[in-house]
Every structure is written in structure tokens, then in C-alpha cells.
Amino acid sequence: KGFRWSRKSKERAAKEALVHAWKYAFRDRRKKKGEFRKLWQVRINAASRSHGLPYRSFIAGLKKANVILDRKSLSALAQAHPDAFAHVVECAKRALA
């Protein structure tokens, strides 16, 4: 789309704006991964608590039961297929007991 104000006509200002934009883009590409992980954790916590198991215990139970599902797929499972997620929660509960 282009630059606004003096950045459209002054090469030095435009170059400076680009350098800052690249810096923010580089930083935020890495930040995005952590933001998504936080979102998945919140979704998993809400779904697992509705089955009577907090997030921390749920993840510990999955590790004990050797269930290898990442947080992204667990979050998607909790949203799209609650009955299947309930089965995963039961596996975690059995491993903790």
C-alpha cells in the first residue's frame, strides 16, 4: 500500500520504517507461537475442568498414561469432539488413580 506522510518521499525515513517493521515482524513471528500455546492451554483447561480435572493434573495424567497428543490437537479435540475429549480425560484420570 505504501508509506504515509514524510516516509513516502524521504528515502531515509522510509528505510528506517522498514527496518523497524522487519524487527517487529521477526519478533512477533516468534511471539505468535507462545500466544497460540497459551490459547490452547486455556481451552484445554476449560474443557478438562468441566470433566473435574484441572489442566495441570490432566497433563500429568496424560504423561503417565503415555498419551502422546500435543496441546494443539487436544484443544481442537476439546472444541470439535467433546465426547472423544471426555475419553482422553478418563484415560488421564485412570493413570492418576
C-alpha atoms as a PDB file:
ATOM      1  CA  LYS A   1       0.000   0.000   0.000  1.00  0.00           C
ATOM      2  CA  GLY A   2       2.863   2.359   0.697  1.00  0.00           C
ATOM      3  CA  PHE A   3       4.103   4.780   3.300  1.00  0.00           C
ATOM      4  CA  ARG A   4       2.339   7.806   4.741  1.00  0.00           C
ATOM      5  CA  TRP A   5       3.479  11.347   5.471  1.00  0.00           C
ATOM      6  CA  SER A   6       7.194  12.033   5.033  1.00  0.00           C
ATOM      7  CA  ARG A   7       8.066   8.370   4.626  1.00  0.00           C
ATOM      8  CA  LYS A   8       6.647   8.332   1.108  1.00  0.00           C
ATOM      9  CA  SER A   9       9.086  10.949  -0.176  1.00  0.00           C
ATOM     10  CA  LYS A  10      12.140  10.705   2.087  1.00  0.00           C
ATOM     11  CA  GLU A  11      14.278   7.673   1.449  1.00  0.00           C
ATOM     12  CA  ARG A  12      15.992   7.684   4.843  1.00  0.00           C
ATOM     13  CA  ALA A  13      12.688   7.812   6.747  1.00  0.00           C
ATOM     14  CA  ALA A  14      11.269   5.028   4.567  1.00  0.00           C
ATOM     15  CA  LYS A  15      14.325   2.832   5.125  1.00  0.00           C
ATOM     16  CA  GLU A  16      14.116   3.424   8.875  1.00  0.00           C
ATOM     17  CA  ALA A  17      10.441   2.473   8.876  1.00  0.00           C
ATOM     18  CA  LEU A  18      11.256  -0.739   7.016  1.00  0.00           C
ATOM     19  CA  VAL A  19      13.981  -1.683   9.488  1.00  0.00           C
ATOM     20  CA  HIS A  20      11.555  -1.223  12.381  1.00  0.00           C
ATOM     21  CA  ALA A  21       8.839  -3.165  10.561  1.00  0.00           C
ATOM     22  CA  TRP A  22      11.208  -6.064   9.926  1.00  0.00           C
ATOM     23  CA  LYS A  23      12.276  -6.037  13.569  1.00  0.00           C
ATOM     24  CA  TYR A  24       8.669  -6.220  14.785  1.00  0.00           C
ATOM     25  CA  ALA A  25       7.788  -8.893  12.229  1.00  0.00           C
ATOM     26  CA  PHE A  26      10.767 -11.029  13.293  1.00  0.00           C
ATOM     27  CA  ARG A  27       9.912 -10.647  16.995  1.00  0.00           C
ATOM     28  CA  ASP A  28       6.221 -11.300  16.574  1.00  0.00           C
ATOM     29  CA  ARG A  29       6.665 -14.408  14.421  1.00  0.00           C
ATOM     30  CA  ARG A  30       8.340 -15.968  17.436  1.00  0.00           C
ATOM     31  CA  LYS A  31       5.867 -14.454  19.894  1.00  0.00           C
ATOM     32  CA  LYS A  32       2.935 -15.897  17.946  1.00  0.00           C
ATOM     33  CA  LYS A  33       3.966 -19.448  18.826  1.00  0.00           C
ATOM     34  CA  GLY A  34       3.803 -18.720  22.553  1.00  0.00           C
ATOM     35  CA  GLU A  35       0.488 -16.903  22.180  1.00  0.00           C
ATOM     36  CA  PHE A  36      -1.086 -19.902  20.463  1.00  0.00           C
ATOM     37  CA  ARG A  37       0.268 -22.250  23.123  1.00  0.00           C
ATOM     38  CA  LYS A  38      -1.340 -20.055  25.825  1.00  0.00           C
ATOM     39  CA  LEU A  39      -4.635 -20.099  23.942  1.00  0.00           C
ATOM     40  CA  TRP A  40      -4.553 -23.892  23.645  1.00  0.00           C
ATOM     41  CA  GLN A  41      -3.784 -24.228  27.359  1.00  0.00           C
ATOM     42  CA  VAL A  42      -6.755 -22.040  28.295  1.00  0.00           C
ATOM     43  CA  ARG A  43      -9.078 -24.074  26.062  1.00  0.00           C
ATOM     44  CA  ILE A  44      -7.798 -27.398  27.402  1.00  0.00           C
ATOM     45  CA  ASN A  45      -8.070 -26.155  30.993  1.00  0.00           C
ATOM     46  CA  ALA A  46     -11.693 -25.109  30.480  1.00  0.00           C
ATOM     47  CA  ALA A  47     -12.608 -28.422  28.866  1.00  0.00           C
ATOM     48  CA  SER A  48     -10.769 -30.615  31.384  1.00  0.00           C
ATOM     49  CA  ARG A  49     -12.168 -28.686  34.365  1.00  0.00           C
ATOM     50  CA  SER A  50     -15.671 -29.337  33.049  1.00  0.00           C
ATOM     51  CA  HIS A  51     -14.806 -33.030  33.486  1.00  0.00           C
ATOM     52  CA  GLY A  52     -13.479 -32.441  37.003  1.00  0.00           C
ATOM     53  CA  LEU A  53      -9.751 -32.374  36.320  1.00  0.00           C
ATOM     54  CA  PRO A  54      -7.611 -29.202  36.308  1.00  0.00           C
ATOM     55  CA  TYR A  55      -5.134 -28.625  33.473  1.00  0.00           C
ATOM     56  CA  ARG A  56      -2.035 -29.452  35.498  1.00  0.00           C
ATOM     57  CA  SER A  57      -3.386 -32.812  36.662  1.00  0.00           C
ATOM     58  CA  PHE A  58      -4.768 -33.558  33.211  1.00  0.00           C
ATOM     59  CA  ILE A  59      -1.373 -33.083  31.538  1.00  0.00           C
ATOM     60  CA  ALA A  60       0.362 -35.102  34.285  1.00  0.00           C
ATOM     61  CA  GLY A  61      -2.166 -37.911  33.795  1.00  0.00           C
ATOM     62  CA  LEU A  62      -1.592 -37.922  30.051  1.00  0.00           C
ATOM     63  CA  LYS A  63       2.162 -38.184  30.577  1.00  0.00           C
ATOM     64  CA  LYS A  64       1.693 -41.100  32.999  1.00  0.00           C
ATOM     65  CA  ALA A  65      -0.673 -42.841  30.568  1.00  0.00           C
ATOM     66  CA  ASN A  66       1.821 -42.340  27.706  1.00  0.00           C
ATOM     67  CA  VAL A  67      -0.770 -40.494  25.626  1.00  0.00           C
ATOM     68  CA  ILE A  68       1.155 -38.554  23.003  1.00  0.00           C
ATOM     69  CA  LEU A  69      -1.118 -35.696  21.945  1.00  0.00           C
ATOM     70  CA  ASP A  70       0.120 -32.146  21.621  1.00  0.00           C
ATOM     71  CA  ARG A  71      -1.760 -29.169  23.016  1.00  0.00           C
ATOM     72  CA  LYS A  72      -2.920 -28.016  19.592  1.00  0.00           C
ATOM     73  CA  SER A  73      -4.664 -31.298  18.837  1.00  0.00           C
ATOM     74  CA  LEU A  74      -6.058 -31.568  22.385  1.00  0.00           C
ATOM     75  CA  SER A  75      -7.549 -28.090  22.036  1.00  0.00           C
ATOM     76  CA  ALA A  76      -9.086 -28.940  18.665  1.00  0.00           C
ATOM     77  CA  LEU A  77     -10.408 -32.215  20.076  1.00  0.00           C
ATOM     78  CA  ALA A  78     -11.990 -30.419  23.032  1.00  0.00           C
ATOM     79  CA  GLN A  79     -13.737 -27.952  20.726  1.00  0.00           C
ATOM     80  CA  ALA A  80     -14.839 -30.197  17.870  1.00  0.00           C
ATOM     81  CA  HIS A  81     -15.317 -33.590  19.560  1.00  0.00           C
ATOM     82  CA  PRO A  82     -16.176 -33.211  23.269  1.00  0.00           C
ATOM     83  CA  ASP A  83     -17.097 -36.903  23.632  1.00  0.00           C
ATOM     84  CA  ALA A  84     -13.672 -38.008  22.386  1.00  0.00           C
ATOM     85  CA  PHE A  85     -12.026 -35.458  24.694  1.00  0.00           C
ATOM     86  CA  ALA A  86     -14.025 -36.911  27.602  1.00  0.00           C
ATOM     87  CA  HIS A  87     -12.498 -40.302  26.799  1.00  0.00           C
ATOM     88  CA  VAL A  88      -8.994 -38.782  26.879  1.00  0.00           C
ATOM     89  CA  VAL A  89      -9.791 -37.179  30.255  1.00  0.00           C
ATOM     90  CA  GLU A  90     -10.899 -40.573  31.574  1.00  0.00           C
ATOM     91  CA  CYS A  91      -7.581 -42.086  30.438  1.00  0.00           C
ATOM     92  CA  ALA A  92      -5.742 -39.347  32.342  1.00  0.00           C
ATOM     93  CA  LYS A  93      -7.875 -39.926  35.456  1.00  0.00           C
ATOM     94  CA  ARG A  94      -7.191 -43.680  35.362  1.00  0.00           C
ATOM     95  CA  ALA A  95      -3.448 -43.048  35.093  1.00  0.00           C
ATOM     96  CA  LEU A  96      -3.533 -40.721  38.106  1.00  0.00           C
ATOM     97  CA  ALA A  97      -5.535 -43.131  40.270  1.00  0.00           C
END
